[in-house]
C-alpha atoms as a PDB file:
ATOM      1  CA  MET A   1     147.288   4.739 108.899  1.00  0.00           C
ATOM      2  CA  LYS A   2     145.197   3.567 105.969  1.00  0.00           C
ATOM      3  CA  GLU A   3     143.444   0.227 106.469  1.00  0.00           C
ATOM      4  CA  ARG A   4     142.948  -2.442 103.834  1.00  0.00           C
ATOM      5  CA  ILE A   5     141.225  -5.816 103.732  1.00  0.00           C
ATOM      6  CA  TYR A   6     143.687  -8.728 103.784  1.00  0.00           C
ATOM      7  CA  VAL A   7     143.050 -12.396 103.063  1.00  0.00           C
ATOM      8  CA  VAL A   8     144.741 -14.402 105.822  1.00  0.00           C
ATOM      9  CA  ARG A   9     145.061 -18.053 104.878  1.00  0.00           C
ATOM     10  CA  GLY A  10     145.959 -20.822 107.255  1.00  0.00           C
ATOM     11  CA  PRO A  11     146.265 -24.569 106.832  1.00  0.00           C
ATOM     12  CA  ASN A  12     142.544 -25.101 107.430  1.00  0.00           C
ATOM     13  CA  THR A  13     140.924 -21.654 107.384  1.00  0.00           C
ATOM     14  CA  THR A  14     140.689 -18.418 105.419  1.00  0.00           C
ATOM     15  CA  HIS A  15     139.845 -15.039 106.955  1.00  0.00           C
ATOM     16  CA  LEU A  16     139.142 -11.545 105.642  1.00  0.00           C
ATOM     17  CA  VAL A  17     140.655  -8.990 108.026  1.00  0.00           C
ATOM     18  CA  ASN A  18     140.420  -5.192 107.901  1.00  0.00           C
ATOM     19  CA  ALA A  19     143.826  -4.043 109.197  1.00  0.00           C
ATOM     20  CA  PRO A  20     146.465  -1.342 108.720  1.00  0.00           C
ATOM     21  CA  SER A  21     149.157  -3.857 107.658  1.00  0.00           C
ATOM     22  CA  LYS A  22     149.727  -7.449 106.608  1.00  0.00           C
ATOM     23  CA  ALA A  23     151.517  -8.134 109.894  1.00  0.00           C
ATOM     24  CA  SER A  24     148.597  -6.734 111.895  1.00  0.00           C
ATOM     25  CA  ALA A  25     146.130  -8.896 109.976  1.00  0.00           C
ATOM     26  CA  ILE A  26     148.149 -12.046 110.640  1.00  0.00           C
ATOM     27  CA  ALA A  27     148.666 -11.091 114.300  1.00  0.00           C
ATOM     28  CA  PHE A  28     144.923 -10.534 114.736  1.00  0.00           C
ATOM     29  CA  ILE A  29     144.143 -14.084 113.565  1.00  0.00           C
ATOM     30  CA  ALA A  30     147.106 -15.666 115.353  1.00  0.00           C
ATOM     31  CA  ASP A  31     146.133 -14.015 118.627  1.00  0.00           C
ATOM     32  CA  SER A  32     142.866 -15.982 118.664  1.00  0.00           C
ATOM     33  CA  GLN A  33     144.605 -19.293 117.904  1.00  0.00           C
ATOM     34  CA  PHE A  34     147.914 -19.155 119.780  1.00  0.00           C
ATOM     35  CA  THR A  35     149.230 -18.091 123.159  1.00  0.00           C
ATOM     36  CA  ALA A  36     152.711 -16.989 124.147  1.00  0.00           C
ATOM     37  CA  ASP A  37     154.186 -16.819 127.625  1.00  0.00           C
ATOM     38  CA  VAL A  38     157.703 -16.472 128.980  1.00  0.00           C
ATOM     39  CA  ALA A  39     159.097 -19.988 129.402  1.00  0.00           C
ATOM     40  CA  SER A  40     159.608 -21.173 132.948  1.00  0.00           C
ATOM     41  CA  GLN A  41     162.706 -23.124 133.910  1.00  0.00           C
ATOM     42  CA  MET A  42     160.679 -26.342 133.924  1.00  0.00           C
ATOM     43  CA  ASP A  43     159.156 -25.510 130.503  1.00  0.00           C
ATOM     44  CA  LEU A  44     162.689 -25.234 129.139  1.00  0.00           C
ATOM     45  CA  VAL A  45     163.851 -28.477 130.767  1.00  0.00           C
ATOM     46  CA  ASN A  46     160.812 -30.461 129.588  1.00  0.00           C
ATOM     47  CA  LEU A  47     160.587 -29.068 126.071  1.00  0.00           C
ATOM     48  CA  LEU A  48     164.321 -29.200 125.324  1.00  0.00           C
ATOM     49  CA  THR A  49     164.353 -32.786 126.626  1.00  0.00           C
ATOM     50  CA  ASP A  50     161.473 -33.560 124.225  1.00  0.00           C
ATOM     51  CA  GLY A  51     163.583 -32.258 121.330  1.00  0.00           C
ATOM     52  CA  ILE A  52     161.890 -28.884 120.889  1.00  0.00           C
ATOM     53  CA  LYS A  53     164.527 -26.429 119.652  1.00  0.00           C
ATOM     54  CA  VAL A  54     164.706 -22.735 120.440  1.00  0.00           C
ATOM     55  CA  GLU A  55     163.765 -20.644 117.377  1.00  0.00           C
ATOM     56  CA  PHE A  56     165.043 -17.106 116.912  1.00  0.00           C
ATOM     57  CA  ALA A  57     162.550 -14.481 115.731  1.00  0.00           C
ATOM     58  CA  ARG A  58     163.716 -11.155 114.399  1.00  0.00           C
ATOM     59  CA  VAL A  59     162.400  -7.857 115.715  1.00  0.00           C
ATOM     60  CA  SER A  60     159.766  -6.414 113.406  1.00  0.00           C
ATOM     61  CA  ASN A  61     157.660  -3.300 113.199  1.00  0.00           C
ATOM     62  CA  LEU A  62     154.831  -5.405 114.625  1.00  0.00           C
ATOM     63  CA  ASP A  63     156.801  -5.806 117.871  1.00  0.00           C
ATOM     64  CA  LEU A  64     157.087  -2.053 118.124  1.00  0.00           C
ATOM     65  CA  GLU A  65     153.406  -1.590 117.244  1.00  0.00           C
ATOM     66  CA  LEU A  66     151.895  -4.176 119.622  1.00  0.00           C
ATOM     67  CA  GLY A  67     154.436  -4.500 122.422  1.00  0.00           C
ATOM     68  CA  ASP A  68     154.136  -7.314 124.964  1.00  0.00           C
ATOM     69  CA  LYS A  69     150.630  -8.213 126.050  1.00  0.00           C
END
């Protein structure tokens, strides 16, 4: 796949990323700033109690490309 250089802008930072797709460029930056784990039962109890709502993400080509880490 052909790579391009993408400008990835966040609230406080801007990055230049050489990547094969926009989604890959964003994922590369996000991976260094965020973590994701399967929620435990206590995570769910505590976070739902604190008013955090479950958000529903759609399946994208990025999911197929990266898979679960």
